[in-house]
All heavy atoms as atom14 arrays in JSON, in Angstrom:
{
  "sequence": "GRSLPNQFFIIDDAQNLTPHEVKTIISRACEGSKIVLTGDPYQIDN",
  "atom14_mask": [
    [1, 1, 1, 1, 0, 0, 0, 0, 0, 0, 0, 0, 0, 0],
    [1, 1, 1, 1, 1, 1, 1, 1, 1, 1, 1, 0, 0, 0],
    [1, 1, 1, 1, 1, 1, 0, 0, 0, 0, 0, 0, 0, 0],
    [1, 1, 1, 1, 1, 1, 1, 1, 0, 0, 0, 0, 0, 0],
    [1, 1, 1, 1, 1, 1, 1, 0, 0, 0, 0, 0, 0, 0],
    [1, 1, 1, 1, 1, 1, 1, 1, 0, 0, 0, 0, 0, 0],
    [1, 1, 1, 1, 1, 1, 1, 1, 1, 0, 0, 0, 0, 0],
    [1, 1, 1, 1, 1, 1, 1, 1, 1, 1, 1, 0, 0, 0],
    [1, 1, 1, 1, 1, 1, 1, 1, 1, 1, 1, 0, 0, 0],
    [1, 1, 1, 1, 1, 1, 1, 1, 0, 0, 0, 0, 0, 0],
    [1, 1, 1, 1, 1, 1, 1, 1, 0, 0, 0, 0, 0, 0],
    [1, 1, 1, 1, 1, 1, 1, 1, 0, 0, 0, 0, 0, 0],
    [1, 1, 1, 1, 1, 1, 1, 1, 0, 0, 0, 0, 0, 0],
    [1, 1, 1, 1, 1, 0, 0, 0, 0, 0, 0, 0, 0, 0],
    [1, 1, 1, 1, 1, 1, 1, 1, 1, 0, 0, 0, 0, 0],
    [1, 1, 1, 1, 1, 1, 1, 1, 0, 0, 0, 0, 0, 0],
    [1, 1, 1, 1, 1, 1, 1, 1, 0, 0, 0, 0, 0, 0],
    [1, 1, 1, 1, 1, 1, 1, 0, 0, 0, 0, 0, 0, 0],
    [1, 1, 1, 1, 1, 1, 1, 0, 0, 0, 0, 0, 0, 0],
    [1, 1, 1, 1, 1, 1, 1, 1, 1, 1, 0, 0, 0, 0],
    [1, 1, 1, 1, 1, 1, 1, 1, 1, 0, 0, 0, 0, 0],
    [1, 1, 1, 1, 1, 1, 1, 0, 0, 0, 0, 0, 0, 0],
    [1, 1, 1, 1, 1, 1, 1, 1, 1, 0, 0, 0, 0, 0],
    [1, 1, 1, 1, 1, 1, 1, 0, 0, 0, 0, 0, 0, 0],
    [1, 1, 1, 1, 1, 1, 1, 1, 0, 0, 0, 0, 0, 0],
    [1, 1, 1, 1, 1, 1, 1, 1, 0, 0, 0, 0, 0, 0],
    [1, 1, 1, 1, 1, 1, 0, 0, 0, 0, 0, 0, 0, 0],
    [1, 1, 1, 1, 1, 1, 1, 1, 1, 1, 1, 0, 0, 0],
    [1, 1, 1, 1, 1, 0, 0, 0, 0, 0, 0, 0, 0, 0],
    [1, 1, 1, 1, 1, 1, 0, 0, 0, 0, 0, 0, 0, 0],
    [1, 1, 1, 1, 1, 1, 1, 1, 1, 0, 0, 0, 0, 0],
    [1, 1, 1, 1, 0, 0, 0, 0, 0, 0, 0, 0, 0, 0],
    [1, 1, 1, 1, 1, 1, 0, 0, 0, 0, 0, 0, 0, 0],
    [1, 1, 1, 1, 1, 1, 1, 1, 1, 0, 0, 0, 0, 0],
    [1, 1, 1, 1, 1, 1, 1, 1, 0, 0, 0, 0, 0, 0],
    [1, 1, 1, 1, 1, 1, 1, 0, 0, 0, 0, 0, 0, 0],
    [1, 1, 1, 1, 1, 1, 1, 1, 0, 0, 0, 0, 0, 0],
    [1, 1, 1, 1, 1, 1, 1, 0, 0, 0, 0, 0, 0, 0],
    [1, 1, 1, 1, 0, 0, 0, 0, 0, 0, 0, 0, 0, 0],
    [1, 1, 1, 1, 1, 1, 1, 1, 0, 0, 0, 0, 0, 0],
    [1, 1, 1, 1, 1, 1, 1, 0, 0, 0, 0, 0, 0, 0],
    [1, 1, 1, 1, 1, 1, 1, 1, 1, 1, 1, 1, 0, 0],
    [1, 1, 1, 1, 1, 1, 1, 1, 1, 0, 0, 0, 0, 0],
    [1, 1, 1, 1, 1, 1, 1, 1, 0, 0, 0, 0, 0, 0],
    [1, 1, 1, 1, 1, 1, 1, 1, 0, 0, 0, 0, 0, 0],
    [1, 1, 1, 1, 1, 1, 1, 1, 0, 0, 0, 0, 0, 0]
  ],
  "atom14_positions": [
    [[101.6, 120.01, 101.06], [101.12, 120.83, 102.16], [99.63, 120.75, 102.4], [99.15, 121.23, 103.43], [0.0, 0.0, 0.0], [0.0, 0.0, 0.0], [0.0, 0.0, 0.0], [0.0, 0.0, 0.0], [0.0, 0.0, 0.0], [0.0, 0.0, 0.0], [0.0, 0.0, 0.0], [0.0, 0.0, 0.0], [0.0, 0.0, 0.0], [0.0, 0.0, 0.0]],
    [[98.87, 120.14, 101.48], [97.43, 120.05, 101.66], [97.06, 118.93, 102.61], [97.81, 117.95, 102.77], [96.72, 119.81, 100.32], [96.68, 121.02, 99.41], [95.7, 120.8, 98.27], [94.32, 120.65, 98.73], [93.28, 120.5, 97.91], [93.46, 120.5, 96.6], [92.07, 120.37, 98.39], [0.0, 0.0, 0.0], [0.0, 0.0, 0.0], [0.0, 0.0, 0.0]],
    [[95.91, 119.06, 103.27], [95.33, 118.0, 104.08], [93.97, 117.65, 103.49], [93.21, 118.55, 103.11], [95.17, 118.44, 105.54], [96.43, 118.67, 106.13], [0.0, 0.0, 0.0], [0.0, 0.0, 0.0], [0.0, 0.0, 0.0], [0.0, 0.0, 0.0], [0.0, 0.0, 0.0], [0.0, 0.0, 0.0], [0.0, 0.0, 0.0], [0.0, 0.0, 0.0]],
    [[93.67, 116.36, 103.41], [92.45, 115.91, 102.74], [91.57, 115.12, 103.7], [91.58, 113.88, 103.7], [92.81, 115.06, 101.52], [93.78, 115.69, 100.51], [94.19, 114.69, 99.45], [93.15, 116.92, 99.87], [0.0, 0.0, 0.0], [0.0, 0.0, 0.0], [0.0, 0.0, 0.0], [0.0, 0.0, 0.0], [0.0, 0.0, 0.0], [0.0, 0.0, 0.0]],
    [[90.77, 115.8, 104.54], [89.9, 115.08, 105.47], [88.6, 114.63, 104.82], [88.0, 115.36, 104.04], [89.63, 116.13, 106.56], [89.71, 117.44, 105.84], [90.73, 117.26, 104.74], [0.0, 0.0, 0.0], [0.0, 0.0, 0.0], [0.0, 0.0, 0.0], [0.0, 0.0, 0.0], [0.0, 0.0, 0.0], [0.0, 0.0, 0.0], [0.0, 0.0, 0.0]],
    [[88.17, 113.41, 105.15], [86.87, 112.87, 104.7], [86.67, 112.99, 103.2], [85.61, 113.37, 102.72], [85.73, 113.57, 105.43], [85.8, 113.4, 106.93], [86.1, 114.34, 107.65], [85.55, 112.19, 107.41], [0.0, 0.0, 0.0], [0.0, 0.0, 0.0], [0.0, 0.0, 0.0], [0.0, 0.0, 0.0], [0.0, 0.0, 0.0], [0.0, 0.0, 0.0]],
    [[87.71, 112.66, 102.46], [87.62, 112.72, 101.0], [88.04, 111.39, 100.39], [88.86, 110.66, 100.95], [88.51, 113.84, 100.46], [88.09, 115.23, 100.93], [88.91, 116.33, 100.29], [89.25, 116.27, 99.13], [89.22, 117.35, 101.07], [0.0, 0.0, 0.0], [0.0, 0.0, 0.0], [0.0, 0.0, 0.0], [0.0, 0.0, 0.0], [0.0, 0.0, 0.0]],
    [[87.45, 111.11, 99.24], [87.82, 109.93, 98.45], [88.72, 110.45, 97.33], [88.31, 111.27, 96.52], [86.56, 109.27, 97.88], [86.74, 107.84, 97.48], [85.99, 106.84, 98.08], [87.64, 107.48, 96.5], [86.14, 105.51, 97.7], [87.8, 106.17, 96.11], [87.04, 105.17, 96.71], [0.0, 0.0, 0.0], [0.0, 0.0, 0.0], [0.0, 0.0, 0.0]],
    [[89.94, 109.96, 97.3], [90.96, 110.51, 96.43], [91.38, 109.46, 95.41], [91.83, 108.37, 95.78], [92.15, 110.95, 97.29], [93.18, 111.78, 96.58], [92.94, 112.32, 95.33], [94.4, 112.02, 97.16], [93.88, 113.09, 94.69], [95.37, 112.79, 96.53], [95.1, 113.32, 95.29], [0.0, 0.0, 0.0], [0.0, 0.0, 0.0], [0.0, 0.0, 0.0]],
    [[91.23, 109.74, 94.12], [91.64, 108.81, 93.06], [92.85, 109.39, 92.33], [92.83, 110.52, 91.85], [90.5, 108.57, 92.06], [89.33, 107.86, 92.73], [91.0, 107.73, 90.88], [88.15, 107.61, 91.81], [0.0, 0.0, 0.0], [0.0, 0.0, 0.0], [0.0, 0.0, 0.0], [0.0, 0.0, 0.0], [0.0, 0.0, 0.0], [0.0, 0.0, 0.0]],
    [[93.92, 108.59, 92.24], [95.1, 108.94, 91.44], [95.12, 107.98, 90.26], [95.37, 106.78, 90.41], [96.41, 108.81, 92.23], [96.35, 109.65, 93.5], [97.59, 109.23, 91.37], [96.34, 111.13, 93.25], [0.0, 0.0, 0.0], [0.0, 0.0, 0.0], [0.0, 0.0, 0.0], [0.0, 0.0, 0.0], [0.0, 0.0, 0.0], [0.0, 0.0, 0.0]],
    [[94.83, 108.49, 89.08], [94.81, 107.67, 87.87], [96.19, 107.66, 87.23], [96.96, 108.62, 87.35], [93.77, 108.23, 86.89], [93.32, 107.21, 85.87], [93.39, 106.01, 86.16], [92.89, 107.62, 84.78], [0.0, 0.0, 0.0], [0.0, 0.0, 0.0], [0.0, 0.0, 0.0], [0.0, 0.0, 0.0], [0.0, 0.0, 0.0], [0.0, 0.0, 0.0]],
    [[96.52, 106.59, 86.52], [97.83, 106.45, 85.85], [98.98, 106.66, 86.83], [99.97, 107.35, 86.52], [97.94, 107.42, 84.68], [97.23, 106.93, 83.44], [96.93, 105.72, 83.37], [96.95, 107.74, 82.54], [0.0, 0.0, 0.0], [0.0, 0.0, 0.0], [0.0, 0.0, 0.0], [0.0, 0.0, 0.0], [0.0, 0.0, 0.0], [0.0, 0.0, 0.0]],
    [[98.89, 106.05, 88.0], [99.9, 106.23, 89.04], [101.23, 105.57, 88.69], [102.22, 105.78, 89.4], [99.38, 105.69, 90.37], [0.0, 0.0, 0.0], [0.0, 0.0, 0.0], [0.0, 0.0, 0.0], [0.0, 0.0, 0.0], [0.0, 0.0, 0.0], [0.0, 0.0, 0.0], [0.0, 0.0, 0.0], [0.0, 0.0, 0.0], [0.0, 0.0, 0.0]],
    [[101.28, 104.79, 87.61], [102.54, 104.16, 87.22], [103.57, 105.2, 86.75], [104.76, 104.89, 86.65], [102.32, 103.12, 86.12], [102.07, 103.69, 84.73], [100.63, 104.07, 84.47], [99.8, 103.91, 85.36], [100.32, 104.55, 83.28], [0.0, 0.0, 0.0], [0.0, 0.0, 0.0], [0.0, 0.0, 0.0], [0.0, 0.0, 0.0], [0.0, 0.0, 0.0]],
    [[103.13, 106.43, 86.5], [104.04, 107.49, 86.06], [104.6, 108.3, 87.23], [105.26, 109.32, 87.02], [103.33, 108.43, 85.08], [103.22, 107.82, 83.7], [104.16, 107.23, 83.19], [102.05, 107.94, 83.09], [0.0, 0.0, 0.0], [0.0, 0.0, 0.0], [0.0, 0.0, 0.0], [0.0, 0.0, 0.0], [0.0, 0.0, 0.0], [0.0, 0.0, 0.0]],
    [[104.35, 107.85, 88.46], [104.85, 108.54, 89.64], [106.09, 107.86, 90.19], [106.24, 106.64, 90.11], [103.77, 108.57, 90.73], [102.48, 109.33, 90.42], [101.47, 109.09, 91.54], [102.76, 110.81, 90.27], [0.0, 0.0, 0.0], [0.0, 0.0, 0.0], [0.0, 0.0, 0.0], [0.0, 0.0, 0.0], [0.0, 0.0, 0.0], [0.0, 0.0, 0.0]],
    [[106.99, 108.64, 90.79], [108.15, 108.08, 91.47], [107.75, 107.64, 92.88], [106.71, 108.09, 93.39], [109.28, 109.12, 91.57], [108.83, 110.19, 92.44], [109.63, 109.69, 90.2], [0.0, 0.0, 0.0], [0.0, 0.0, 0.0], [0.0, 0.0, 0.0], [0.0, 0.0, 0.0], [0.0, 0.0, 0.0], [0.0, 0.0, 0.0], [0.0, 0.0, 0.0]],
    [[108.53, 106.8, 93.53], [108.22, 106.43, 94.92], [108.12, 107.65, 95.84], [107.27, 107.69, 96.74], [109.39, 105.54, 95.31], [109.81, 104.89, 94.02], [109.62, 105.97, 92.99], [0.0, 0.0, 0.0], [0.0, 0.0, 0.0], [0.0, 0.0, 0.0], [0.0, 0.0, 0.0], [0.0, 0.0, 0.0], [0.0, 0.0, 0.0], [0.0, 0.0, 0.0]],
    [[108.95, 108.66, 95.62], [108.89, 109.88, 96.44], [107.58, 110.62, 96.23], [106.97, 111.11, 97.19], [110.06, 110.79, 96.1], [110.01, 112.12, 96.79], [110.21, 112.27, 98.15], [109.74, 113.37, 96.32], [110.08, 113.54, 98.48], [109.79, 114.22, 97.38], [0.0, 0.0, 0.0], [0.0, 0.0, 0.0], [0.0, 0.0, 0.0], [0.0, 0.0, 0.0]],
    [[107.12, 110.7, 94.99], [105.86, 111.38, 94.71], [104.68, 110.64, 95.33], [103.76, 111.26, 95.88], [105.67, 111.51, 93.2], [106.6, 112.53, 92.56], [106.56, 112.49, 91.04], [106.32, 111.41, 90.47], [106.79, 113.55, 90.41], [0.0, 0.0, 0.0], [0.0, 0.0, 0.0], [0.0, 0.0, 0.0], [0.0, 0.0, 0.0], [0.0, 0.0, 0.0]],
    [[104.7, 109.31, 95.28], [103.64, 108.51, 95.89], [103.61, 108.74, 97.39], [102.54, 108.9, 97.99], [103.85, 107.01, 95.56], [103.0, 106.14, 96.47], [103.49, 106.74, 94.11], [0.0, 0.0, 0.0], [0.0, 0.0, 0.0], [0.0, 0.0, 0.0], [0.0, 0.0, 0.0], [0.0, 0.0, 0.0], [0.0, 0.0, 0.0], [0.0, 0.0, 0.0]],
    [[104.77, 108.78, 98.02], [104.83, 109.03, 99.46], [104.24, 110.4, 99.81], [103.47, 110.55, 100.77], [106.28, 108.96, 99.94], [106.46, 109.27, 101.41], [107.93, 109.24, 101.81], [108.1, 109.63, 103.28], [109.53, 109.62, 103.69], [0.0, 0.0, 0.0], [0.0, 0.0, 0.0], [0.0, 0.0, 0.0], [0.0, 0.0, 0.0], [0.0, 0.0, 0.0]],
    [[104.57, 111.4, 99.01], [104.07, 112.75, 99.25], [102.55, 112.8, 99.12], [101.86, 113.42, 99.93], [104.7, 113.75, 98.25], [106.12, 113.7, 98.39], [104.21, 115.16, 98.5], [0.0, 0.0, 0.0], [0.0, 0.0, 0.0], [0.0, 0.0, 0.0], [0.0, 0.0, 0.0], [0.0, 0.0, 0.0], [0.0, 0.0, 0.0], [0.0, 0.0, 0.0]],
    [[102.0, 112.13, 98.13], [100.56, 112.15, 97.87], [99.79, 111.45, 98.98], [98.82, 111.98, 99.53], [100.26, 111.5, 96.51], [100.81, 112.37, 95.38], [98.76, 111.3, 96.34], [100.87, 111.66, 94.05], [0.0, 0.0, 0.0], [0.0, 0.0, 0.0], [0.0, 0.0, 0.0], [0.0, 0.0, 0.0], [0.0, 0.0, 0.0], [0.0, 0.0, 0.0]],
    [[100.22, 110.24, 99.34], [99.48, 109.45, 100.32], [99.54, 110.08, 101.71], [98.59, 109.96, 102.49], [100.02, 108.01, 100.34], [99.72, 107.34, 99.0], [99.39, 107.19, 101.47], [100.21, 105.94, 98.89], [0.0, 0.0, 0.0], [0.0, 0.0, 0.0], [0.0, 0.0, 0.0], [0.0, 0.0, 0.0], [0.0, 0.0, 0.0], [0.0, 0.0, 0.0]],
    [[100.62, 110.77, 102.0], [100.72, 111.41, 103.32], [99.8, 112.61, 103.46], [99.7, 113.2, 104.54], [102.18, 111.83, 103.58], [102.62, 112.75, 102.6], [0.0, 0.0, 0.0], [0.0, 0.0, 0.0], [0.0, 0.0, 0.0], [0.0, 0.0, 0.0], [0.0, 0.0, 0.0], [0.0, 0.0, 0.0], [0.0, 0.0, 0.0], [0.0, 0.0, 0.0]],
    [[99.07, 112.98, 102.41], [98.08, 114.07, 102.49], [96.8, 113.61, 103.17], [96.0, 114.43, 103.6], [97.7, 114.58, 101.08], [98.81, 115.1, 100.18], [99.59, 116.22, 100.8], [100.8, 115.69, 101.42], [101.42, 116.25, 102.45], [100.94, 117.34, 103.01], [102.51, 115.72, 102.94], [0.0, 0.0, 0.0], [0.0, 0.0, 0.0], [0.0, 0.0, 0.0]],
    [[96.56, 112.3, 103.21], [95.28, 111.79, 103.7], [95.12, 112.0, 105.2], [96.04, 111.75, 105.97], [95.17, 110.3, 103.37], [0.0, 0.0, 0.0], [0.0, 0.0, 0.0], [0.0, 0.0, 0.0], [0.0, 0.0, 0.0], [0.0, 0.0, 0.0], [0.0, 0.0, 0.0], [0.0, 0.0, 0.0], [0.0, 0.0, 0.0], [0.0, 0.0, 0.0]],
    [[93.95, 112.46, 105.6], [93.61, 112.62, 107.02], [92.66, 111.49, 107.43], [92.31, 110.63, 106.62], [92.94, 113.97, 107.25], [93.97, 115.39, 106.84], [0.0, 0.0, 0.0], [0.0, 0.0, 0.0], [0.0, 0.0, 0.0], [0.0, 0.0, 0.0], [0.0, 0.0, 0.0], [0.0, 0.0, 0.0], [0.0, 0.0, 0.0], [0.0, 0.0, 0.0]],
    [[92.23, 111.53, 108.69], [91.28, 110.53, 109.17], [89.98, 110.59, 108.35], [89.49, 111.66, 108.03], [90.95, 110.77, 110.65], [92.07, 110.39, 111.6], [92.36, 108.9, 111.6], [91.41, 108.12, 111.4], [93.53, 108.52, 111.79], [0.0, 0.0, 0.0], [0.0, 0.0, 0.0], [0.0, 0.0, 0.0], [0.0, 0.0, 0.0], [0.0, 0.0, 0.0]],
    [[89.47, 109.41, 108.02], [88.21, 109.34, 107.29], [88.35, 109.46, 105.79], [87.35, 109.47, 105.08], [0.0, 0.0, 0.0], [0.0, 0.0, 0.0], [0.0, 0.0, 0.0], [0.0, 0.0, 0.0], [0.0, 0.0, 0.0], [0.0, 0.0, 0.0], [0.0, 0.0, 0.0], [0.0, 0.0, 0.0], [0.0, 0.0, 0.0], [0.0, 0.0, 0.0]],
    [[89.59, 109.54, 105.29], [89.81, 109.64, 103.85], [90.23, 108.29, 103.27], [90.69, 107.41, 103.99], [90.89, 110.69, 103.53], [90.42, 111.98, 103.78], [0.0, 0.0, 0.0], [0.0, 0.0, 0.0], [0.0, 0.0, 0.0], [0.0, 0.0, 0.0], [0.0, 0.0, 0.0], [0.0, 0.0, 0.0], [0.0, 0.0, 0.0], [0.0, 0.0, 0.0]],
    [[90.05, 108.17, 101.97], [90.44, 106.95, 101.27], [91.14, 107.31, 99.97], [90.67, 108.21, 99.25], [89.2, 106.09, 100.99], [89.5, 104.74, 100.33], [88.28, 103.85, 100.41], [88.58, 102.45, 99.93], [87.55, 101.48, 100.33], [0.0, 0.0, 0.0], [0.0, 0.0, 0.0], [0.0, 0.0, 0.0], [0.0, 0.0, 0.0], [0.0, 0.0, 0.0]],
    [[92.24, 106.64, 99.68], [93.0, 106.92, 98.47], [93.04, 105.66, 97.61], [93.32, 104.56, 98.11], [94.44, 107.38, 98.8], [94.4, 108.7, 99.56], [95.26, 107.54, 97.53], [95.78, 109.27, 99.86], [0.0, 0.0, 0.0], [0.0, 0.0, 0.0], [0.0, 0.0, 0.0], [0.0, 0.0, 0.0], [0.0, 0.0, 0.0], [0.0, 0.0, 0.0]],
    [[92.74, 105.83, 96.33], [92.79, 104.73, 95.37], [93.78, 105.11, 94.27], [93.66, 106.18, 93.67], [91.4, 104.45, 94.76], [91.5, 103.36, 93.69], [90.42, 104.05, 95.84], [0.0, 0.0, 0.0], [0.0, 0.0, 0.0], [0.0, 0.0, 0.0], [0.0, 0.0, 0.0], [0.0, 0.0, 0.0], [0.0, 0.0, 0.0], [0.0, 0.0, 0.0]],
    [[94.74, 104.24, 94.0], [95.69, 104.45, 92.92], [95.48, 103.38, 91.87], [95.41, 102.19, 92.19], [97.14, 104.4, 93.42], [97.6, 105.56, 94.32], [97.35, 105.23, 95.78], [99.06, 105.88, 94.1], [0.0, 0.0, 0.0], [0.0, 0.0, 0.0], [0.0, 0.0, 0.0], [0.0, 0.0, 0.0], [0.0, 0.0, 0.0], [0.0, 0.0, 0.0]],
    [[95.37, 103.8, 90.62], [95.19, 102.86, 89.53], [96.34, 103.03, 88.53], [96.91, 104.12, 88.42], [93.86, 103.1, 88.8], [93.93, 104.34, 88.07], [92.7, 103.16, 89.77], [0.0, 0.0, 0.0], [0.0, 0.0, 0.0], [0.0, 0.0, 0.0], [0.0, 0.0, 0.0], [0.0, 0.0, 0.0], [0.0, 0.0, 0.0], [0.0, 0.0, 0.0]],
    [[96.65, 101.97, 87.81], [97.7, 102.1, 86.82], [98.11, 100.77, 86.21], [97.7, 99.7, 86.66], [0.0, 0.0, 0.0], [0.0, 0.0, 0.0], [0.0, 0.0, 0.0], [0.0, 0.0, 0.0], [0.0, 0.0, 0.0], [0.0, 0.0, 0.0], [0.0, 0.0, 0.0], [0.0, 0.0, 0.0], [0.0, 0.0, 0.0], [0.0, 0.0, 0.0]],
    [[98.92, 100.87, 85.18], [99.45, 99.72, 84.46], [100.96, 99.93, 84.28], [101.37, 100.85, 83.58], [98.77, 99.6, 83.1], [99.31, 98.43, 82.27], [100.14, 97.66, 82.79], [98.9, 98.28, 81.1], [0.0, 0.0, 0.0], [0.0, 0.0, 0.0], [0.0, 0.0, 0.0], [0.0, 0.0, 0.0], [0.0, 0.0, 0.0], [0.0, 0.0, 0.0]],
    [[101.81, 99.12, 84.92], [103.26, 99.32, 84.83], [103.84, 99.12, 83.44], [105.0, 99.43, 83.2], [103.83, 98.28, 85.82], [102.76, 97.26, 85.94], [101.46, 97.99, 85.79], [0.0, 0.0, 0.0], [0.0, 0.0, 0.0], [0.0, 0.0, 0.0], [0.0, 0.0, 0.0], [0.0, 0.0, 0.0], [0.0, 0.0, 0.0], [0.0, 0.0, 0.0]],
    [[103.02, 98.6, 82.52], [103.49, 98.44, 81.14], [103.04, 99.59, 80.24], [103.19, 99.53, 79.03], [103.01, 97.1, 80.58], [103.59, 95.92, 81.32], [102.81, 95.14, 82.16], [104.95, 95.6, 81.2], [103.35, 94.06, 82.86], [105.5, 94.53, 81.89], [104.7, 93.76, 82.71], [105.24, 92.71, 83.4], [0.0, 0.0, 0.0], [0.0, 0.0, 0.0]],
    [[102.46, 100.64, 80.86], [102.07, 101.83, 80.1], [102.73, 103.07, 80.71], [102.07, 104.07, 81.0], [100.55, 102.01, 80.12], [99.79, 100.94, 79.37], [98.33, 101.31, 79.23], [97.91, 102.04, 78.32], [97.5, 100.81, 80.13], [0.0, 0.0, 0.0], [0.0, 0.0, 0.0], [0.0, 0.0, 0.0], [0.0, 0.0, 0.0], [0.0, 0.0, 0.0]],
    [[104.03, 103.01, 80.91], [104.75, 104.1, 81.55], [105.24, 105.09, 80.48], [105.88, 104.69, 79.5], [105.94, 103.57, 82.37], [105.41, 102.77, 83.56], [106.83, 104.7, 82.86], [106.48, 102.14, 84.41], [0.0, 0.0, 0.0], [0.0, 0.0, 0.0], [0.0, 0.0, 0.0], [0.0, 0.0, 0.0], [0.0, 0.0, 0.0], [0.0, 0.0, 0.0]],
    [[104.91, 106.37, 80.69], [105.33, 107.43, 79.77], [106.48, 108.26, 80.34], [107.12, 109.01, 79.61], [104.14, 108.35, 79.45], [102.98, 107.58, 78.85], [103.22, 106.81, 77.9], [101.84, 107.73, 79.32], [0.0, 0.0, 0.0], [0.0, 0.0, 0.0], [0.0, 0.0, 0.0], [0.0, 0.0, 0.0], [0.0, 0.0, 0.0], [0.0, 0.0, 0.0]],
    [[106.72, 108.14, 81.65], [107.82, 108.87, 82.28], [109.14, 108.25, 81.85], [109.4, 107.07, 82.1], [107.67, 108.78, 83.81], [108.62, 109.7, 84.55], [109.76, 109.91, 84.13], [108.18, 110.25, 85.66], [0.0, 0.0, 0.0], [0.0, 0.0, 0.0], [0.0, 0.0, 0.0], [0.0, 0.0, 0.0], [0.0, 0.0, 0.0], [0.0, 0.0, 0.0]]
  ]
}
């Protein structure tokens, strides 16, 4: 439900997210925002 205008958004360890969670997170971005996801698929704890 949040909107993130003009913000730089970092999601660390994103390999622990489901595709649905990733969709929900990225759809928060408004105009002028940037999202960076980092992760290693061989370090999954989920």
